[in-house]
C-alpha cells in the first residue's frame, strides 16, 4: 500500500504569508473560515444537511488541513471531530484554531497518514473528505482504511473534483502537478467502482459544477491579480504553472469533463473488517 509520506503541504498551510493572505481575501473575503481548495461554507452546510451530523456524532475528517472546515462543522452541530493530516504545519495551525475557538474539547487533530489509520476499528460514526482525495494515488487502499475505522452502518461522505481526462498530453501534464501537490484524478464512475470494491454501498452522488466553476475562476483570477506577490513567495515557475493549471481546469469544466461531486456511502452493518485493530 502506497502512503502519502513525503508530500509537502507547508506552503499551502502558511495562511499568514503575505501572498496567501491576498489570495484568500480575493477568493473568500468574509467567508474565509480557514478552508483550502475550492471549499466555501455553503458546501459544509450541504454536508451537514445531507449526512445529518448531530451533537452525538463522532466524525473523522481525512485531510483536515489547518482545521477550518472541522471547526466550522463542530461549531454548527456540537459534534466531536478528529482530523488527520500529514502536514505538521497544518496540524499545528489547526490545533491553534481549535484552542482559539474554545473547541479543543470537541475538535482534535492528529498528525499522521490516512493510508495507515492510527485509530481502532469501528471508532467513527461518519468520515468526511473535503476536496483532498486527488492527492491519494491508492484510493482503494485509502477507502479500505476508512471503512475499517467506521462503525457498522457508518457513513463516508467524500467531496472531490472529478475529471474525465482527455487524451491530450499537454492537458494531462498541466493538471498532473496540481495545486502545489501532485494530483491523481478519477472519474465519477471510477470513484463509484473503487468505493464498491472497498466494501461501501453508495447511497447518493450529487454534482456541484456551477459553484465549482466559480471557485476555480476565483483562484485563477487571484493568481493573476497578485502575480508579483505570489512570485516572491512561490517563484515565477510555480506561479506561472498555477495560472495555467486553473485556466486548464476551467476549460475542462466548460467542456463538461470536470466537476465536483459529493459521494455518500454506507459501511454495511455486517461488514467484516480486515485491517488489524490498532492499540
Protein backbone atom coordinates (compact mmCIF):
# COMPACT_ATOMS: atom_id res chain seq x y z
CA UNK A 1 0.00 0.00 0.00
CA UNK A 2 1.36 3.39 -1.00
CA UNK A 3 1.45 6.11 1.63
CA UNK A 4 1.40 9.89 1.31
CA UNK A 5 4.54 10.41 3.36
CA UNK A 6 6.89 12.91 1.82
CA UNK A 7 4.26 15.25 0.39
CA UNK A 8 4.97 18.88 1.26
CA UNK A 9 1.88 20.91 2.12
CA UNK A 10 3.74 23.59 4.06
CA UNK A 11 3.37 26.43 1.52
CA UNK A 12 -0.38 25.85 1.29
CA UNK A 13 -0.82 25.83 5.06
CA UNK A 14 1.06 29.06 5.83
CA UNK A 15 -2.12 31.12 5.87
CA UNK A 16 -0.49 34.24 7.27
CA UNK A 17 2.06 34.70 4.49
CA UNK A 18 1.51 37.94 2.54
CA UNK A 19 0.72 36.16 -0.73
CA UNK A 20 -1.68 33.66 0.86
CA UNK A 21 -3.49 36.50 2.64
CA UNK A 22 -4.00 38.31 -0.68
CA UNK A 23 -5.17 35.12 -2.41
CA UNK A 24 -7.59 34.18 0.37
CA UNK A 25 -9.09 37.67 0.56
CA UNK A 26 -9.69 37.67 -3.21
CA UNK A 27 -11.33 34.23 -3.20
CA UNK A 28 -13.32 34.09 0.03
CA UNK A 29 -13.42 37.53 1.65
CA UNK A 30 -15.52 37.28 4.82
CA UNK A 31 -16.23 33.61 4.06
CA UNK A 32 -12.64 32.66 4.89
CA UNK A 33 -13.03 30.09 7.67
CA UNK A 34 -9.57 28.56 7.31
CA UNK A 35 -10.53 26.29 4.42
CA UNK A 36 -8.48 25.29 1.41
CA UNK A 37 -9.08 24.16 -2.16
CA UNK A 38 -12.50 25.11 -3.60
CA UNK A 39 -14.49 24.94 -0.36
CA UNK A 40 -16.99 27.52 0.87
CA UNK A 41 -19.20 27.43 3.98
CA UNK A 42 -22.11 26.56 1.67
CA UNK A 43 -20.51 23.21 0.85
CA UNK A 44 -20.10 22.46 4.55
CA UNK A 45 -23.72 23.35 5.27
CA UNK A 46 -24.72 20.94 2.48
CA UNK A 47 -22.55 18.25 4.02
CA UNK A 48 -24.09 18.77 7.45
CA UNK A 49 -27.60 18.63 6.00
CA UNK A 50 -27.07 15.56 3.85
CA UNK A 51 -25.25 13.49 6.49
CA UNK A 52 -27.39 14.58 9.45
CA UNK A 53 -24.48 15.44 11.75
CA UNK A 54 -25.68 15.86 15.34
CA UNK A 55 -24.10 16.57 18.69
CA UNK A 56 -23.50 12.87 19.40
CA UNK A 57 -21.87 12.18 16.00
CA UNK A 58 -18.18 11.32 16.06
CA UNK A 59 -16.60 12.49 12.79
CA UNK A 60 -13.27 11.70 11.14
CA UNK A 61 -12.01 14.47 8.82
CA UNK A 62 -9.49 13.00 6.36
CA UNK A 63 -7.01 15.59 5.16
CA UNK A 64 -8.13 18.18 7.69
CA UNK A 65 -5.52 20.78 6.68
CA UNK A 66 -5.46 23.79 9.01
CA UNK A 67 -8.77 22.73 10.56
CA UNK A 68 -11.19 25.38 9.31
CA UNK A 69 -13.93 23.04 7.99
CA UNK A 70 -13.74 20.75 11.04
CA UNK A 71 -14.09 23.68 13.42
CA UNK A 72 -16.94 25.15 11.35
CA UNK A 73 -18.84 21.84 11.45
CA UNK A 74 -18.27 21.43 15.20
CA UNK A 75 -19.46 24.98 15.90
CA UNK A 76 -22.60 24.39 13.81
CA UNK A 77 -23.53 20.97 15.20
CA UNK A 78 -21.74 20.46 18.51
CA UNK A 79 -20.32 17.15 17.24
CA UNK A 80 -16.91 15.70 18.05
CA UNK A 81 -14.36 15.67 15.22
CA UNK A 82 -10.98 14.05 14.83
CA UNK A 83 -8.91 15.48 11.98
CA UNK A 84 -5.97 13.65 10.44
CA UNK A 85 -3.40 15.31 8.20
CA UNK A 86 0.14 14.55 7.09
CA UNK A 87 1.32 18.17 7.35
CA UNK A 88 2.92 19.22 10.64
CA UNK A 89 2.38 22.88 9.66
CA UNK A 90 -1.31 22.21 9.02
CA UNK A 91 -1.88 20.25 12.22
CA UNK A 92 -0.06 22.85 14.33
CA UNK A 93 -2.23 25.60 12.87
CA UNK A 94 -5.40 23.50 13.25
CA UNK A 95 -4.73 22.91 16.94
CA UNK A 96 -4.20 26.65 17.38
CA UNK A 97 -7.52 27.35 15.63
CA UNK A 98 -9.33 24.86 17.88
CA UNK A 99 -7.88 26.45 21.00
CA UNK A 100 -8.77 29.96 19.84
CA UNK A 101 -12.31 28.77 19.11
CA UNK A 102 -12.62 27.17 22.58
CA UNK A 103 -13.32 23.83 20.89
CA UNK A 104 -10.26 21.82 21.92
CA UNK A 105 -12.52 19.52 23.93
CA UNK A 106 -14.55 18.60 20.82
CA UNK A 107 -12.12 19.02 17.92
CA UNK A 108 -8.72 17.34 17.90
CA UNK A 109 -6.12 16.91 15.19
CA UNK A 110 -3.73 14.03 14.64
CA UNK A 111 -0.50 14.24 12.66
CA UNK A 112 -0.44 11.10 10.55
CA UNK A 113 -1.01 9.37 7.23
CA UNK A 114 -4.59 8.34 6.44
CA UNK A 115 -3.15 5.46 4.42
CA UNK A 116 -2.09 3.99 7.77
CA UNK A 117 -5.02 4.86 10.05
CA UNK A 118 -3.85 5.09 13.67
CA UNK A 119 -7.37 4.58 15.08
CA UNK A 120 -9.11 1.43 16.36
CA UNK A 121 -11.61 -0.32 14.12
CA UNK A 122 -15.25 0.82 14.35
CA UNK A 123 -14.45 4.16 16.01
CA UNK A 124 -16.32 6.79 13.97
CA UNK A 125 -19.96 7.36 13.01
CA UNK A 126 -19.02 9.42 9.97
CA UNK A 127 -15.91 10.01 7.87
CA UNK A 128 -15.60 13.05 5.62
CA UNK A 129 -13.06 14.05 2.99
CA UNK A 130 -13.36 17.53 1.54
CA UNK A 131 -11.61 18.15 -1.79
CA UNK A 132 -8.37 16.39 -0.86
CA UNK A 133 -8.96 12.95 -2.41
CA UNK A 134 -6.98 13.74 -5.56
CA UNK A 135 -3.71 13.65 -3.59
CA UNK A 136 -4.25 9.95 -2.80
CA UNK A 137 -2.89 7.68 -5.50
CA UNK A 138 -4.13 4.41 -3.97
CA UNK A 139 -7.77 5.29 -3.44
CA UNK A 140 -8.95 1.73 -2.88
CA UNK A 141 -6.32 1.33 -0.18
CA UNK A 142 -7.50 4.53 1.48
CA UNK A 143 -11.17 3.54 1.27
CA UNK A 144 -10.31 0.21 2.93
CA UNK A 145 -8.69 2.14 5.77
CA UNK A 146 -11.75 4.37 6.09
CA UNK A 147 -14.27 1.54 6.14
CA UNK A 148 -12.31 -0.21 8.89
CA UNK A 149 -12.43 2.74 11.30
CA UNK A 150 -16.14 3.39 10.67
CA UNK A 151 -18.74 1.80 12.92
CA UNK A 152 -21.18 -0.67 11.33
CA UNK A 153 -23.60 1.33 9.14
CA UNK A 154 -21.26 4.31 9.40
CA UNK A 155 -21.28 6.91 6.62
CA UNK A 156 -18.46 8.10 4.36
CA UNK A 157 -19.07 11.49 2.69
CA UNK A 158 -16.46 12.23 0.05
CA UNK A 159 -16.42 15.54 -1.84
CA UNK A 160 -13.95 15.58 -4.69
CA UNK A 161 -13.18 17.10 -8.02
CA UNK A 162 -13.73 14.58 -10.81
CA UNK A 163 -12.18 14.67 -14.27
CA UNK A 164 -12.80 12.68 -17.43
CA UNK A 165 -9.28 13.38 -18.65
CA UNK A 166 -8.91 13.88 -22.42
CA UNK A 167 -6.17 12.05 -24.29
CA UNK A 168 -4.13 15.23 -24.61
CA UNK A 169 -0.54 15.13 -23.25
CA UNK A 170 -0.45 18.89 -22.66
CA UNK A 171 -3.65 18.90 -20.59
CA UNK A 172 -2.56 15.80 -18.67
CA UNK A 173 0.75 17.49 -17.83
CA UNK A 174 -0.96 20.77 -16.89
CA UNK A 175 -3.26 19.01 -14.43
CA UNK A 176 -0.90 16.38 -13.01
CA UNK A 177 1.14 18.72 -10.81
CA UNK A 178 -1.97 20.08 -9.16
CA UNK A 179 -2.07 22.98 -6.71
CA UNK A 180 1.43 22.60 -5.18
CA UNK A 181 0.82 18.85 -4.69
CA UNK A 182 0.75 16.02 -7.29
CA UNK A 183 -2.79 15.03 -8.25
CA UNK A 184 -4.34 11.66 -9.10
CA UNK A 185 -7.72 12.36 -10.65
CA UNK A 186 -10.60 9.99 -11.20
CA UNK A 187 -13.96 9.95 -12.94
CA UNK A 188 -17.36 9.67 -11.28
CA UNK A 189 -17.59 6.03 -12.35
CA UNK A 190 -14.05 5.46 -11.13
CA UNK A 191 -14.93 6.68 -7.64
CA UNK A 192 -18.08 4.56 -7.57
CA UNK A 193 -16.17 1.46 -8.60
CA UNK A 194 -13.40 1.99 -6.03
CA UNK A 195 -15.86 2.69 -3.19
CA UNK A 196 -17.74 -0.52 -4.00
CA UNK A 197 -14.53 -2.54 -4.24
CA UNK A 198 -13.56 -1.33 -0.76
CA UNK A 199 -16.91 -2.58 0.56
CA UNK A 200 -19.08 0.55 0.63
CA UNK A 201 -22.67 0.79 -0.54
CA UNK A 202 -23.22 4.03 -2.43
CA UNK A 203 -26.29 5.94 -1.26
CA UNK A 204 -26.12 9.19 -3.21
CA UNK A 205 -23.98 11.12 -5.69
CA UNK A 206 -24.52 14.87 -6.11
CA UNK A 207 -22.80 17.18 -8.58
CA UNK A 208 -21.92 20.81 -7.75
CA UNK A 209 -20.50 22.08 -11.01
CA UNK A 210 -21.72 25.72 -11.05
CA UNK A 211 -20.15 26.70 -7.73
CA UNK A 212 -17.09 24.64 -8.60
CA UNK A 213 -16.60 26.71 -11.74
CA UNK A 214 -16.93 29.95 -9.78
CA UNK A 215 -14.30 28.82 -7.26
CA UNK A 216 -11.86 27.73 -9.96
CA UNK A 217 -12.18 31.08 -11.72
CA UNK A 218 -11.66 32.96 -8.47
CA UNK A 219 -8.44 31.04 -7.84
CA UNK A 220 -7.12 31.77 -11.32
CA UNK A 221 -8.10 35.44 -11.12
CA UNK A 222 -6.41 35.77 -7.70
CA UNK A 223 -3.14 34.40 -9.06
CA UNK A 224 -3.24 36.84 -11.96
CA UNK A 225 -4.19 39.79 -9.76
CA UNK A 226 -1.50 39.18 -7.15
CA UNK A 227 1.10 37.77 -9.52
CA UNK A 228 4.11 39.75 -8.25
CA UNK A 229 3.43 38.98 -4.58
CA UNK A 230 2.97 35.28 -5.30
CA UNK A 231 6.16 35.13 -7.37
CA UNK A 232 8.11 36.47 -4.36
CA UNK A 233 6.91 33.53 -2.24
CA UNK A 234 6.43 30.67 -4.69
CA UNK A 235 8.76 31.59 -7.53
CA UNK A 236 7.95 32.50 -11.14
CA UNK A 237 7.83 28.92 -12.44
CA UNK A 238 5.32 27.78 -9.81
CA UNK A 239 3.21 30.90 -10.20
CA UNK A 240 3.07 30.67 -13.99
CA UNK A 241 2.25 26.98 -13.77
CA UNK A 242 -0.67 27.55 -11.41
CA UNK A 243 -2.22 30.12 -13.71
CA UNK A 244 -2.06 27.50 -16.48
CA UNK A 245 -3.46 24.89 -14.08
CA UNK A 246 -6.53 26.92 -13.11
CA UNK A 247 -7.16 28.02 -16.70
CA UNK A 248 -6.98 24.39 -17.83
CA UNK A 249 -9.30 23.28 -15.04
CA UNK A 250 -11.82 25.95 -16.09
CA UNK A 251 -11.63 24.75 -19.69
CA UNK A 252 -12.33 21.15 -18.62
CA UNK A 253 -15.33 22.30 -16.59
CA UNK A 254 -16.72 24.24 -19.55
CA UNK A 255 -16.23 21.19 -21.77
CA UNK A 256 -18.24 19.05 -19.33
CA UNK A 257 -15.21 16.97 -18.41
CA UNK A 258 -14.67 18.22 -14.85
CA UNK A 259 -16.94 18.77 -11.88
CA UNK A 260 -17.19 18.48 -8.11
CA UNK A 261 -19.13 15.52 -6.73
CA UNK A 262 -20.29 14.50 -3.28
CA UNK A 263 -20.35 10.72 -2.84
CA UNK A 264 -22.25 9.46 0.21
CA UNK A 265 -21.70 5.80 1.03
CA UNK A 266 -22.51 3.44 3.89
CA UNK A 267 -20.49 0.71 5.56
CA UNK A 268 -22.71 -2.41 5.63
CA UNK A 269 -23.73 -3.49 9.10
CA UNK A 270 -22.38 -6.99 8.50
CA UNK A 271 -19.04 -5.83 7.04
CA UNK A 272 -16.05 -7.77 8.38
CA UNK A 273 -13.01 -5.58 9.00
CA UNK A 274 -9.79 -6.91 7.53
CA UNK A 275 -7.48 -4.25 9.00
CA UNK A 276 -5.88 -5.13 12.30
CA UNK A 277 -7.13 -3.10 15.24
CA UNK A 278 -4.55 -0.61 16.46
CA UNK A 279 -3.86 -0.44 20.21
